[in-house]
Amino acid sequence: MFNRPIEIVKTYLIGALALAVLGLGAWSRYQSSNIVDLRAENQAQAQTISQQSADIEKLKQEAVENQRILLELSKQEAEARSESDEVIKSIPQDVKQSHPYNASAPRNVVEFLRK
């Protein structure tokens, strides 16, 4: 008489255990798939970081080169300015006060000098 309820409980327990095992298997499979996806994403991010690091290094080198060129151009500009100052200083005072010296230059000459 009491055997029948025990059999039913055993059946339900076995079914619950089987369901739990299947559920854990499915959960494990999902987690495994998730880990594989995360590893692939991690690899892609590592490649991106590597590429960006190379780009940053290249930009740093270009910045150093641009700085060198800028200093060189500044030096050349200073030399040209000092040369032009020397030329201006070498013009005698009576020439500076003469009419042609103070006259307006032709428009194309002024535009050329502005460039």
PDB file of N, CA and C in Angstrom:
ATOM      1  N   MET A   1       0.798  -1.192   0.000  1.00  0.00           N
ATOM      2  CA  MET A   1       0.000   0.000   0.000  1.00  0.00           C
ATOM      3  C   MET A   1       0.852   1.273   0.000  1.00  0.00           C
ATOM      4  N   PHE A   2       1.888   1.292   0.815  1.00  0.00           N
ATOM      5  CA  PHE A   2       2.760   2.464   0.845  1.00  0.00           C
ATOM      6  C   PHE A   2       3.786   2.437  -0.286  1.00  0.00           C
ATOM      7  N   ASN A   3       3.879   1.353  -0.978  1.00  0.00           N
ATOM      8  CA  ASN A   3       4.833   1.234  -2.080  1.00  0.00           C
ATOM      9  C   ASN A   3       4.471   2.138  -3.258  1.00  0.00           C
ATOM     10  N   ARG A   4       3.232   2.256  -3.493  1.00  0.00           N
ATOM     11  CA  ARG A   4       2.788   3.040  -4.647  1.00  0.00           C
ATOM     12  C   ARG A   4       3.182   4.526  -4.529  1.00  0.00           C
ATOM     13  N   PRO A   5       2.963   5.191  -3.414  1.00  0.00           N
ATOM     14  CA  PRO A   5       3.386   6.592  -3.298  1.00  0.00           C
ATOM     15  C   PRO A   5       4.903   6.750  -3.381  1.00  0.00           C
ATOM     16  N   ILE A   6       5.645   5.791  -2.864  1.00  0.00           N
ATOM     17  CA  ILE A   6       7.110   5.870  -2.938  1.00  0.00           C
ATOM     18  C   ILE A   6       7.561   5.757  -4.385  1.00  0.00           C
ATOM     19  N   GLU A   7       6.929   4.893  -5.151  1.00  0.00           N
ATOM     20  CA  GLU A   7       7.248   4.738  -6.577  1.00  0.00           C
ATOM     21  C   GLU A   7       6.978   6.039  -7.333  1.00  0.00           C
ATOM     22  N   ILE A   8       5.873   6.676  -6.993  1.00  0.00           N
ATOM     23  CA  ILE A   8       5.526   7.945  -7.664  1.00  0.00           C
ATOM     24  C   ILE A   8       6.557   9.018  -7.313  1.00  0.00           C
ATOM     25  N   VAL A   9       6.948   9.088  -6.053  1.00  0.00           N
ATOM     26  CA  VAL A   9       7.945  10.076  -5.618  1.00  0.00           C
ATOM     27  C   VAL A   9       9.278   9.799  -6.312  1.00  0.00           C
ATOM     28  N   LYS A  10       9.678   8.518  -6.388  1.00  0.00           N
ATOM     29  CA  LYS A  10      10.920   8.149  -7.069  1.00  0.00           C
ATOM     30  C   LYS A  10      10.874   8.584  -8.529  1.00  0.00           C
ATOM     31  N   THR A  11       9.743   8.356  -9.179  1.00  0.00           N
ATOM     32  CA  THR A  11       9.592   8.724 -10.587  1.00  0.00           C
ATOM     33  C   THR A  11       9.735  10.236 -10.764  1.00  0.00           C
ATOM     34  N   TYR A  12       9.064  10.966  -9.872  1.00  0.00           N
ATOM     35  CA  TYR A  12       9.170  12.427  -9.958  1.00  0.00           C
ATOM     36  C   TYR A  12      10.590  12.914  -9.654  1.00  0.00           C
ATOM     37  N   LEU A  13      11.231  12.294  -8.676  1.00  0.00           N
ATOM     38  CA  LEU A  13      12.611  12.673  -8.347  1.00  0.00           C
ATOM     39  C   LEU A  13      13.559  12.368  -9.502  1.00  0.00           C
ATOM     40  N   ILE A  14      13.406  11.203 -10.112  1.00  0.00           N
ATOM     41  CA  ILE A  14      14.243  10.839 -11.259  1.00  0.00           C
ATOM     42  C   ILE A  14      13.994  11.805 -12.408  1.00  0.00           C
ATOM     43  N   GLY A  15      12.727  12.143 -12.638  1.00  0.00           N
ATOM     44  CA  GLY A  15      12.391  13.100 -13.697  1.00  0.00           C
ATOM     45  C   GLY A  15      12.970  14.475 -13.399  1.00  0.00           C
ATOM     46  N   ALA A  16      12.891  14.901 -12.145  1.00  0.00           N
ATOM     47  CA  ALA A  16      13.435  16.213 -11.755  1.00  0.00           C
ATOM     48  C   ALA A  16      14.947  16.217 -11.899  1.00  0.00           C
ATOM     49  N   LEU A  17      15.597  15.128 -11.474  1.00  0.00           N
ATOM     50  CA  LEU A  17      17.057  15.032 -11.616  1.00  0.00           C
ATOM     51  C   LEU A  17      17.472  15.033 -13.087  1.00  0.00           C
ATOM     52  N   ALA A  18      16.721  14.285 -13.909  1.00  0.00           N
ATOM     53  CA  ALA A  18      17.023  14.256 -15.346  1.00  0.00           C
ATOM     54  C   ALA A  18      16.846  15.643 -15.946  1.00  0.00           C
ATOM     55  N   LEU A  19      15.790  16.319 -15.544  1.00  0.00           N
ATOM     56  CA  LEU A  19      15.550  17.676 -16.029  1.00  0.00           C
ATOM     57  C   LEU A  19      16.649  18.629 -15.557  1.00  0.00           C
ATOM     58  N   ALA A  20      17.097  18.470 -14.302  1.00  0.00           N
ATOM     59  CA  ALA A  20      18.173  19.307 -13.771  1.00  0.00           C
ATOM     60  C   ALA A  20      19.469  19.055 -14.531  1.00  0.00           C
ATOM     61  N   VAL A  21      19.770  17.774 -14.815  1.00  0.00           N
ATOM     62  CA  VAL A  21      20.987  17.427 -15.562  1.00  0.00           C
ATOM     63  C   VAL A  21      20.919  18.015 -16.967  1.00  0.00           C
ATOM     64  N   LEU A  22      19.785  17.885 -17.623  1.00  0.00           N
ATOM     65  CA  LEU A  22      19.626  18.462 -18.959  1.00  0.00           C
ATOM     66  C   LEU A  22      19.739  19.986 -18.916  1.00  0.00           C
ATOM     67  N   GLY A  23      19.142  20.582 -17.898  1.00  0.00           N
ATOM     68  CA  GLY A  23      19.213  22.036 -17.754  1.00  0.00           C
ATOM     69  C   GLY A  23      20.638  22.506 -17.526  1.00  0.00           C
ATOM     70  N   LEU A  24      21.357  21.794 -16.657  1.00  0.00           N
ATOM     71  CA  LEU A  24      22.758  22.147 -16.415  1.00  0.00           C
ATOM     72  C   LEU A  24      23.611  21.942 -17.670  1.00  0.00           C
ATOM     73  N   GLY A  25      23.303  20.901 -18.428  1.00  0.00           N
ATOM     74  CA  GLY A  25      24.026  20.669 -19.684  1.00  0.00           C
ATOM     75  C   GLY A  25      23.794  21.800 -20.675  1.00  0.00           C
ATOM     76  N   ALA A  26      22.524  22.212 -20.786  1.00  0.00           N
ATOM     77  CA  ALA A  26      22.203  23.312 -21.698  1.00  0.00           C
ATOM     78  C   ALA A  26      22.850  24.609 -21.224  1.00  0.00           C
ATOM     79  N   TRP A  27      22.833  24.852 -19.919  1.00  0.00           N
ATOM     80  CA  TRP A  27      23.450  26.064 -19.365  1.00  0.00           C
ATOM     81  C   TRP A  27      24.966  26.048 -19.593  1.00  0.00           C
ATOM     82  N   SER A  28      25.562  24.869 -19.408  1.00  0.00           N
ATOM     83  CA  SER A  28      26.999  24.716 -19.639  1.00  0.00           C
ATOM     84  C   SER A  28      27.343  24.975 -21.106  1.00  0.00           C
ATOM     85  N   ARG A  29      26.524  24.466 -22.008  1.00  0.00           N
ATOM     86  CA  ARG A  29      26.742  24.686 -23.449  1.00  0.00           C
ATOM     87  C   ARG A  29      26.639  26.177 -23.784  1.00  0.00           C
ATOM     88  N   TYR A  30      25.648  26.839 -23.192  1.00  0.00           N
ATOM     89  CA  TYR A  30      25.469  28.277 -23.412  1.00  0.00           C
ATOM     90  C   TYR A  30      26.692  29.049 -22.905  1.00  0.00           C
ATOM     91  N   GLN A  31      27.159  28.705 -21.702  1.00  0.00           N
ATOM     92  CA  GLN A  31      28.319  29.396 -21.142  1.00  0.00           C
ATOM     93  C   GLN A  31      29.571  29.151 -21.983  1.00  0.00           C
ATOM     94  N   SER A  32      29.720  27.937 -22.484  1.00  0.00           N
ATOM     95  CA  SER A  32      30.857  27.601 -23.336  1.00  0.00           C
ATOM     96  C   SER A  32      30.829  28.433 -24.620  1.00  0.00           C
ATOM     97  N   SER A  33      29.660  28.536 -25.212  1.00  0.00           N
ATOM     98  CA  SER A  33      29.500  29.351 -26.414  1.00  0.00           C
ATOM     99  C   SER A  33      29.794  30.819 -26.110  1.00  0.00           C
ATOM    100  N   ASN A  34      29.342  31.265 -24.962  1.00  0.00           N
ATOM    101  CA  ASN A  34      29.576  32.646 -24.538  1.00  0.00           C
ATOM    102  C   ASN A  34      31.077  32.914 -24.377  1.00  0.00           C
ATOM    103  N   ILE A  35      31.798  31.962 -23.795  1.00  0.00           N
ATOM    104  CA  ILE A  35      33.239  32.103 -23.604  1.00  0.00           C
ATOM    105  C   ILE A  35      33.954  32.173 -24.951  1.00  0.00           C
ATOM    106  N   VAL A  36      33.558  31.330 -25.893  1.00  0.00           N
ATOM    107  CA  VAL A  36      34.165  31.348 -27.227  1.00  0.00           C
ATOM    108  C   VAL A  36      33.938  32.707 -27.894  1.00  0.00           C
ATOM    109  N   ASP A  37      32.714  33.223 -27.782  1.00  0.00           N
ATOM    110  CA  ASP A  37      32.415  34.536 -28.368  1.00  0.00           C
ATOM    111  C   ASP A  37      33.243  35.636 -27.720  1.00  0.00           C
ATOM    112  N   LEU A  38      33.385  35.576 -26.406  1.00  0.00           N
ATOM    113  CA  LEU A  38      34.168  36.585 -25.697  1.00  0.00           C
ATOM    114  C   LEU A  38      35.648  36.507 -26.060  1.00  0.00           C
ATOM    115  N   ARG A  39      36.149  35.314 -26.258  1.00  0.00           N
ATOM    116  CA  ARG A  39      37.554  35.166 -26.683  1.00  0.00           C
ATOM    117  C   ARG A  39      37.759  35.754 -28.081  1.00  0.00           C
ATOM    118  N   ALA A  40      36.810  35.522 -28.966  1.00  0.00           N
ATOM    119  CA  ALA A  40      36.910  36.092 -30.316  1.00  0.00           C
ATOM    120  C   ALA A  40      36.862  37.615 -30.248  1.00  0.00           C
ATOM    121  N   GLU A  41      35.975  38.140 -29.427  1.00  0.00           N
ATOM    122  CA  GLU A  41      35.881  39.594 -29.264  1.00  0.00           C
ATOM    123  C   GLU A  41      37.168  40.152 -28.650  1.00  0.00           C
ATOM    124  N   ASN A  42      37.718  39.437 -27.686  1.00  0.00           N
ATOM    125  CA  ASN A  42      38.968  39.840 -27.051  1.00  0.00           C
ATOM    126  C   ASN A  42      40.100  39.879 -28.076  1.00  0.00           C
ATOM    127  N   GLN A  43      40.152  38.892 -28.948  1.00  0.00           N
ATOM    128  CA  GLN A  43      41.178  38.843 -29.990  1.00  0.00           C
ATOM    129  C   GLN A  43      41.025  40.030 -30.947  1.00  0.00           C
ATOM    130  N   ALA A  44      39.794  40.329 -31.330  1.00  0.00           N
ATOM    131  CA  ALA A  44      39.556  41.470 -32.224  1.00  0.00           C
ATOM    132  C   ALA A  44      39.969  42.770 -31.548  1.00  0.00           C
ATOM    133  N   GLN A  45      39.671  42.909 -30.265  1.00  0.00           N
ATOM    134  CA  GLN A  45      40.065  44.116 -29.541  1.00  0.00           C
ATOM    135  C   GLN A  45      41.582  44.205 -29.421  1.00  0.00           C
ATOM    136  N   ALA A  46      42.243  43.074 -29.229  1.00  0.00           N
ATOM    137  CA  ALA A  46      43.703  43.069 -29.145  1.00  0.00           C
ATOM    138  C   ALA A  46      44.317  43.528 -30.467  1.00  0.00           C
ATOM    139  N   GLN A  47      43.737  43.073 -31.580  1.00  0.00           N
ATOM    140  CA  GLN A  47      44.229  43.513 -32.889  1.00  0.00           C
ATOM    141  C   GLN A  47      44.010  45.009 -33.066  1.00  0.00           C
ATOM    142  N   THR A  48      42.846  45.500 -32.667  1.00  0.00           N
ATOM    143  CA  THR A  48      42.550  46.927 -32.776  1.00  0.00           C
ATOM    144  C   THR A  48      43.524  47.734 -31.934  1.00  0.00           C
ATOM    145  N   ILE A  49      43.781  47.283 -30.715  1.00  0.00           N
ATOM    146  CA  ILE A  49      44.719  47.985 -29.837  1.00  0.00           C
ATOM    147  C   ILE A  49      46.114  47.991 -30.445  1.00  0.00           C
ATOM    148  N   SER A  50      46.518  46.874 -31.000  1.00  0.00           N
ATOM    149  CA  SER A  50      47.834  46.786 -31.637  1.00  0.00           C
ATOM    150  C   SER A  50      47.940  47.756 -32.815  1.00  0.00           C
ATOM    151  N   GLN A  51      46.908  47.793 -33.637  1.00  0.00           N
ATOM    152  CA  GLN A  51      46.902  48.697 -34.796  1.00  0.00           C
ATOM    153  C   GLN A  51      46.915  50.153 -34.340  1.00  0.00           C
ATOM    154  N   GLN A  52      46.124  50.467 -33.335  1.00  0.00           N
ATOM    155  CA  GLN A  52      46.071  51.836 -32.842  1.00  0.00           C
ATOM    156  C   GLN A  52      47.393  52.242 -32.190  1.00  0.00           C
ATOM    157  N   SER A  53      48.052  51.314 -31.534  1.00  0.00           N
ATOM    158  CA  SER A  53      49.361  51.609 -30.945  1.00  0.00           C
ATOM    159  C   SER A  53      50.377  51.931 -32.040  1.00  0.00           C
ATOM    160  N   ALA A  54      50.336  51.154 -33.117  1.00  0.00           N
ATOM    161  CA  ALA A  54      51.230  51.427 -34.243  1.00  0.00           C
ATOM    162  C   ALA A  54      50.911  52.790 -34.858  1.00  0.00           C
ATOM    163  N   ASP A  55      49.619  53.102 -34.997  1.00  0.00           N
ATOM    164  CA  ASP A  55      49.225  54.404 -35.548  1.00  0.00           C
ATOM    165  C   ASP A  55      49.680  55.547 -34.644  1.00  0.00           C
ATOM    166  N   ILE A  56      49.553  55.373 -33.333  1.00  0.00           N
ATOM    167  CA  ILE A  56      49.978  56.403 -32.387  1.00  0.00           C
ATOM    168  C   ILE A  56      51.486  56.613 -32.487  1.00  0.00           C
ATOM    169  N   GLU A  57      52.236  55.527 -32.586  1.00  0.00           N
ATOM    170  CA  GLU A  57      53.695  55.643 -32.711  1.00  0.00           C
ATOM    171  C   GLU A  57      54.064  56.388 -33.990  1.00  0.00           C
ATOM    172  N   LYS A  58      53.361  56.065 -35.075  1.00  0.00           N
ATOM    173  CA  LYS A  58      53.622  56.744 -36.348  1.00  0.00           C
ATOM    174  C   LYS A  58      53.296  58.236 -36.232  1.00  0.00           C
ATOM    175  N   LEU A  59      52.189  58.562 -35.578  1.00  0.00           N
ATOM    176  CA  LEU A  59      51.814  59.963 -35.402  1.00  0.00           C
ATOM    177  C   LEU A  59      52.823  60.709 -34.523  1.00  0.00           C
ATOM    178  N   LYS A  60      53.357  60.034 -33.514  1.00  0.00           N
ATOM    179  CA  LYS A  60      54.384  60.660 -32.677  1.00  0.00           C
ATOM    180  C   LYS A  60      55.626  60.979 -33.505  1.00  0.00           C
ATOM    181  N   GLN A  61      56.015  60.040 -34.355  1.00  0.00           N
ATOM    182  CA  GLN A  61      57.182  60.268 -35.211  1.00  0.00           C
ATOM    183  C   GLN A  61      56.917  61.421 -36.176  1.00  0.00           C
ATOM    184  N   GLU A  62      55.703  61.477 -36.730  1.00  0.00           N
ATOM    185  CA  GLU A  62      55.357  62.579 -37.627  1.00  0.00           C
ATOM    186  C   GLU A  62      55.354  63.908 -36.881  1.00  0.00           C
ATOM    187  N   ALA A  63      54.904  63.913 -35.630  1.00  0.00           N
ATOM    188  CA  ALA A  63      54.893  65.137 -34.839  1.00  0.00           C
ATOM    189  C   ALA A  63      56.319  65.623 -34.579  1.00  0.00           C
ATOM    190  N   VAL A  64      57.220  64.693 -34.291  1.00  0.00           N
ATOM    191  CA  VAL A  64      58.620  65.068 -34.085  1.00  0.00           C
ATOM    192  C   VAL A  64      59.200  65.641 -35.376  1.00  0.00           C
ATOM    193  N   GLU A  65      58.902  65.000 -36.492  1.00  0.00           N
ATOM    194  CA  GLU A  65      59.398  65.490 -37.792  1.00  0.00           C
ATOM    195  C   GLU A  65      58.818  66.866 -38.104  1.00  0.00           C
ATOM    196  N   ASN A  66      57.510  67.039 -37.848  1.00  0.00           N
ATOM    197  CA  ASN A  66      56.886  68.347 -38.085  1.00  0.00           C
ATOM    198  C   ASN A  66      57.516  69.421 -37.203  1.00  0.00           C
ATOM    199  N   GLN A  67      57.830  69.084 -35.973  1.00  0.00           N
ATOM    200  CA  GLN A  67      58.477  70.036 -35.061  1.00  0.00           C
ATOM    201  C   GLN A  67      59.839  70.435 -35.604  1.00  0.00           C
ATOM    202  N   ARG A  68      60.594  69.450 -36.101  1.00  0.00           N
ATOM    203  CA  ARG A  68      61.917  69.737 -36.662  1.00  0.00           C
ATOM    204  C   ARG A  68      61.800  70.658 -37.878  1.00  0.00           C
ATOM    205  N   ILE A  69      60.845  70.347 -38.744  1.00  0.00           N
ATOM    206  CA  ILE A  69      60.642  71.167 -39.940  1.00  0.00           C
ATOM    207  C   ILE A  69      60.216  72.575 -39.555  1.00  0.00           C
ATOM    208  N   LEU A  70      59.335  72.687 -38.568  1.00  0.00           N
ATOM    209  CA  LEU A  70      58.879  74.001 -38.108  1.00  0.00           C
ATOM    210  C   LEU A  70      60.047  74.826 -37.571  1.00  0.00           C
ATOM    211  N   LEU A  71      60.902  74.198 -36.780  1.00  0.00           N
ATOM    212  CA  LEU A  71      62.065  74.919 -36.255  1.00  0.00           C
ATOM    213  C   LEU A  71      63.003  75.345 -37.386  1.00  0.00           C
ATOM    214  N   GLU A  72      63.178  74.474 -38.360  1.00  0.00           N
ATOM    215  CA  GLU A  72      64.031  74.799 -39.503  1.00  0.00           C
ATOM    216  C   GLU A  72      63.451  75.976 -40.291  1.00  0.00           C
ATOM    217  N   LEU A  73      62.142  75.941 -40.528  1.00  0.00           N
ATOM    218  CA  LEU A  73      61.496  77.040 -41.249  1.00  0.00           C
ATOM    219  C   LEU A  73      61.567  78.351 -40.459  1.00  0.00           C
ATOM    220  N   SER A  74      61.393  78.263 -39.159  1.00  0.00           N
ATOM    221  CA  SER A  74      61.487  79.456 -38.319  1.00  0.00           C
ATOM    222  C   SER A  74      62.886  80.052 -38.393  1.00  0.00           C
ATOM    223  N   LYS A  75      63.874  79.180 -38.379  1.00  0.00           N
ATOM    224  CA  LYS A  75      65.264  79.639 -38.478  1.00  0.00           C
ATOM    225  C   LYS A  75      65.508  80.324 -39.823  1.00  0.00           C
ATOM    226  N   GLN A  76      65.018  79.708 -40.905  1.00  0.00           N
ATOM    227  CA  GLN A  76      65.188  80.300 -42.233  1.00  0.00           C
ATOM    228  C   GLN A  76      64.452  81.626 -42.329  1.00  0.00           C
ATOM    229  N   GLU A  77      63.263  81.686 -41.737  1.00  0.00           N
ATOM    230  CA  GLU A  77      62.489  82.930 -41.756  1.00  0.00           C
ATOM    231  C   GLU A  77      63.222  84.025 -40.986  1.00  0.00           C
ATOM    232  N   ALA A  78      63.794  83.679 -39.856  1.00  0.00           N
ATOM    233  CA  ALA A  78      64.543  84.658 -39.065  1.00  0.00           C
ATOM    234  C   ALA A  78      65.759  85.152 -39.833  1.00  0.00           C
ATOM    235  N   GLU A  79      66.432  84.237 -40.530  1.00  0.00           N
ATOM    236  CA  GLU A  79      67.591  84.632 -41.339  1.00  0.00           C
ATOM    237  C   GLU A  79      67.165  85.564 -42.469  1.00  0.00           C
ATOM    238  N   ALA A  80      66.070  85.228 -43.144  1.00  0.00           N
ATOM    239  CA  ALA A  80      65.586  86.073 -44.246  1.00  0.00           C
ATOM    240  C   ALA A  80      65.165  87.439 -43.717  1.00  0.00           C
ATOM    241  N   ARG A  81      64.531  87.471 -42.559  1.00  0.00           N
ATOM    242  CA  ARG A  81      64.106  88.741 -41.967  1.00  0.00           C
ATOM    243  C   ARG A  81      65.306  89.592 -41.586  1.00  0.00           C
ATOM    244  N   SER A  82      66.328  88.955 -41.023  1.00  0.00           N
ATOM    245  CA  SER A  82      67.514  89.737 -40.649  1.00  0.00           C
ATOM    246  C   SER A  82      68.228  90.259 -41.892  1.00  0.00           C
ATOM    247  N   GLU A  83      68.233  89.444 -42.964  1.00  0.00           N
ATOM    248  CA  GLU A  83      68.829  89.920 -44.216  1.00  0.00           C
ATOM    249  C   GLU A  83      68.059  91.119 -44.774  1.00  0.00           C
ATOM    250  N   SER A  84      66.733  91.029 -44.750  1.00  0.00           N
ATOM    251  CA  SER A  84      65.940  92.143 -45.271  1.00  0.00           C
ATOM    252  C   SER A  84      66.096  93.368 -44.379  1.00  0.00           C
ATOM    253  N   ASP A  85      66.224  93.171 -43.072  1.00  0.00           N
ATOM    254  CA  ASP A  85      66.467  94.301 -42.171  1.00  0.00           C
ATOM    255  C   ASP A  85      67.806  94.956 -42.471  1.00  0.00           C
ATOM    256  N   GLU A  86      68.803  94.129 -42.765  1.00  0.00           N
ATOM    257  CA  GLU A  86      70.125  94.676 -43.118  1.00  0.00           C
ATOM    258  C   GLU A  86      70.052  95.486 -44.410  1.00  0.00           C
ATOM    259  N   VAL A  87      69.284  94.983 -45.390  1.00  0.00           N
ATOM    260  CA  VAL A  87      69.132  95.707 -46.656  1.00  0.00           C
ATOM    261  C   VAL A  87      68.436  97.040 -46.401  1.00  0.00           C
ATOM    262  N   ILE A  88      67.401  97.023 -45.584  1.00  0.00           N
ATOM    263  CA  ILE A  88      66.674  98.262 -45.288  1.00  0.00           C
ATOM    264  C   ILE A  88      67.576  99.246 -44.553  1.00  0.00           C
ATOM    265  N   LYS A  89      68.386  98.734 -43.615  1.00  0.00           N
ATOM    266  CA  LYS A  89      69.291  99.608 -42.870  1.00  0.00           C
ATOM    267  C   LYS A  89      70.384 100.186 -43.761  1.00  0.00           C
ATOM    268  N   SER A  90      70.727  99.446 -44.835  1.00  0.00           N
ATOM    269  CA  SER A  90      71.802  99.920 -45.712  1.00  0.00           C
ATOM    270  C   SER A  90      71.334 101.004 -46.691  1.00  0.00           C
ATOM    271  N   ILE A  91      70.035 101.266 -46.772  1.00  0.00           N
ATOM    272  CA  ILE A  91      69.528 102.320 -47.666  1.00  0.00           C
ATOM    273  C   ILE A  91      69.848 103.670 -47.022  1.00  0.00           C
ATOM    274  N   PRO A  92      70.527 104.527 -47.748  1.00  0.00           N
ATOM    275  CA  PRO A  92      70.891 105.829 -47.185  1.00  0.00           C
ATOM    276  C   PRO A  92      69.638 106.646 -46.839  1.00  0.00           C
ATOM    277  N   GLN A  93      69.768 107.514 -45.861  1.00  0.00           N
ATOM    278  CA  GLN A  93      68.659 108.327 -45.382  1.00  0.00           C
ATOM    279  C   GLN A  93      68.127 109.252 -46.462  1.00  0.00           C
ATOM    280  N   ASP A  94      68.997 109.826 -47.303  1.00  0.00           N
ATOM    281  CA  ASP A  94      68.518 110.741 -48.347  1.00  0.00           C
ATOM    282  C   ASP A  94      67.697 110.003 -49.403  1.00  0.00           C
ATOM    283  N   VAL A  95      68.001 108.707 -49.652  1.00  0.00           N
ATOM    284  CA  VAL A  95      67.210 107.920 -50.596  1.00  0.00           C
ATOM    285  C   VAL A  95      65.833 107.629 -49.988  1.00  0.00           C
ATOM    286  N   LYS A  96      65.801 107.359 -48.681  1.00  0.00           N
ATOM    287  CA  LYS A  96      64.538 107.080 -48.018  1.00  0.00           C
ATOM    288  C   LYS A  96      63.612 108.287 -48.059  1.00  0.00           C
ATOM    289  N   GLN A  97      64.163 109.468 -48.077  1.00  0.00           N
ATOM    290  CA  GLN A  97      63.349 110.677 -48.074  1.00  0.00           C
ATOM    291  C   GLN A  97      62.994 111.152 -49.476  1.00  0.00           C
ATOM    292  N   SER A  98      63.578 110.520 -50.484  1.00  0.00           N
ATOM    293  CA  SER A  98      63.298 110.951 -51.860  1.00  0.00           C
ATOM    294  C   SER A  98      61.886 110.545 -52.279  1.00  0.00           C
ATOM    295  N   HIS A  99      61.403 111.233 -53.316  1.00  0.00           N
ATOM    296  CA  HIS A  99      60.043 110.992 -53.800  1.00  0.00           C
ATOM    297  C   HIS A  99      59.818 109.551 -54.307  1.00  0.00           C
ATOM    298  N   PRO A 100      60.691 108.991 -55.145  1.00  0.00           N
ATOM    299  CA  PRO A 100      60.440 107.627 -55.640  1.00  0.00           C
ATOM    300  C   PRO A 100      60.413 106.588 -54.513  1.00  0.00           C
ATOM    301  N   TYR A 101      61.178 106.793 -53.471  1.00  0.00           N
ATOM    302  CA  TYR A 101      61.209 105.832 -52.374  1.00  0.00           C
ATOM    303  C   TYR A 101      59.870 105.805 -51.637  1.00  0.00           C
ATOM    304  N   ASN A 102      59.231 106.944 -51.523  1.00  0.00           N
ATOM    305  CA  ASN A 102      57.956 107.036 -50.815  1.00  0.00           C
ATOM    306  C   ASN A 102      56.746 106.868 -51.735  1.00  0.00           C
ATOM    307  N   ALA A 103      56.964 106.687 -53.013  1.00  0.00           N
ATOM    308  CA  ALA A 103      55.849 106.543 -53.957  1.00  0.00           C
ATOM    309  C   ALA A 103      55.250 105.137 -53.836  1.00  0.00           C
ATOM    310  N   SER A 104      53.997 105.028 -54.269  1.00  0.00           N
ATOM    311  CA  SER A 104      53.327 103.728 -54.236  1.00  0.00           C
ATOM    312  C   SER A 104      53.899 102.816 -55.312  1.00  0.00           C
ATOM    313  N   ALA A 105      54.044 101.569 -54.973  1.00  0.00           N
ATOM    314  CA  ALA A 105      54.549 100.585 -55.937  1.00  0.00           C
ATOM    315  C   ALA A 105      53.392 100.116 -56.818  1.00  0.00           C
ATOM    316  N   PRO A 106      53.705  99.577 -57.993  1.00  0.00           N
ATOM    317  CA  PRO A 106      52.644  99.012 -58.834  1.00  0.00           C
ATOM    318  C   PRO A 106      51.929  97.881 -58.087  1.00  0.00           C
ATOM    319  N   ARG A 107      50.653  97.721 -58.403  1.00  0.00           N
ATOM    320  CA  ARG A 107      49.799  96.753 -57.704  1.00  0.00           C
ATOM    321  C   ARG A 107      50.361  95.333 -57.777  1.00  0.00           C
ATOM    322  N   ASN A 108      50.858  94.900 -58.931  1.00  0.00           N
ATOM    323  CA  ASN A 108      51.363  93.534 -59.056  1.00  0.00           C
ATOM    324  C   ASN A 108      52.618  93.328 -58.190  1.00  0.00           C
ATOM    325  N   VAL A 109      53.421  94.362 -58.018  1.00  0.00           N
ATOM    326  CA  VAL A 109      54.596  94.246 -57.159  1.00  0.00           C
ATOM    327  C   VAL A 109      54.162  94.109 -55.703  1.00  0.00           C
ATOM    328  N   VAL A 110      53.180  94.899 -55.289  1.00  0.00           N
ATOM    329  CA  VAL A 110      52.679  94.832 -53.921  1.00  0.00           C
ATOM    330  C   VAL A 110      52.088  93.455 -53.643  1.00  0.00           C
ATOM    331  N   GLU A 111      51.303  92.919 -54.579  1.00  0.00           N
ATOM    332  CA  GLU A 111      50.714  91.592 -54.395  1.00  0.00           C
ATOM    333  C   GLU A 111      51.790  90.511 -54.313  1.00  0.00           C
ATOM    334  N   PHE A 112      52.820  90.641 -55.141  1.00  0.00           N
ATOM    335  CA  PHE A 112      53.915  89.689 -55.113  1.00  0.00           C
ATOM    336  C   PHE A 112      54.618  89.714 -53.757  1.00  0.00           C
ATOM    337  N   LEU A 113      54.855  90.905 -53.253  1.00  0.00           N
ATOM    338  CA  LEU A 113      55.530  91.040 -51.962  1.00  0.00           C
ATOM    339  C   LEU A 113      54.681  90.514 -50.811  1.00  0.00           C
ATOM    340  N   ARG A 114      53.375  90.647 -50.931  1.00  0.00           N
ATOM    341  CA  ARG A 114      52.486  90.144 -49.878  1.00  0.00           C
ATOM    342  C   ARG A 114      52.489  88.624 -49.824  1.00  0.00           C
ATOM    343  N   LYS A 115      52.661  87.995 -50.970  1.00  0.00           N
ATOM    344  CA  LYS A 115      52.702  86.538 -51.016  1.00  0.00           C
ATOM    345  C   LYS A 115      53.963  86.051 -50.326  1.00  0.00           C
TER     346      LYS A 115
END
